[in-house]
Amino acid sequence: MAQWLDELAKASKPTLRFWHRAPQGIAASGQRLGVFSGSFNPPTVAHVRLCEHAERHLRLDEIVWLLTVVNVDKPLFGFPLTERLAMMTAVAQERSNWSVAACSHGRFFEKAQAVADAYPTGTQIWFLVGYDTLVRIFEPRFYPDLPMAEALRRFFALAHLAVMPRGNADETATQQFLLRPEVRPFADRIVVLPLDPSIRWVSSTLVRQRLEQSEPVDDLVPSAVAKFLAER
């Protein structure tokens, strides 16, 4: 697995490789794909419930959990990438239409290109994000090599965004963010999902903190991840 990741990291253009492909994945043009890209350090119930909520709300045909080999704003710490992929796969294998993949590049316009290249032409691509990720997508510091507006145009030409309010940001705050001048040109490609209060404060950071203190995490992670952690 490590060699597989090393080879992917060397890709010169945005590349997606599947680690686990859903038996009932998208096979024809016109279907709807949900892409949840995260660090999965480790996967939490918030990751699962956000995807399940989007799956129902957007009538998605497939979900793909996407792990980037190189993250643009988070250095590698915590669980090794190999263990993250193993936990992601354990969750996905319990569902007939969930896949697991890795991507060579970390910015959203690059990930969107990699996904579009891997799926049939005409697939409707929805990236599923929390409010905190929405904010990062519109931060100029992540685009030192090209204008942010150009990167955003490339992304939204290929994909939509579905945003789940998180933390201190409720649905109203999320809708207000869409009115910002740099966001408004793309607002028609962004949908705000209803807030799920049960996962508002759940995070991988909280899971790691509990694990460091030898506290239980069964209420924060899917059962498949809890089993992996218990056997680790």
Foldseek 3Di string as FASTA:
>chain_A
DVVVLVVQLPDPAKAKDFPFAFQQEDDDAAAEEEEEEDQCLPAWVLSVVLVVLCCVVVVHRAYEYEYESDALPDDDDRDDPVVNQVLLVLVQVVDRRYTYMYINDHQQLRNLVNVCVVHDPRHAYEYEEEPVVVVVLPDQVSCPPDGSLVSVVSNLVRYAYEYEYADPGAPVNSVVVCPDPSNVVRSVRYHYGHYDVLCRHADSVVVVVCVVVVHDCPSIHDPSVSVVVVVD
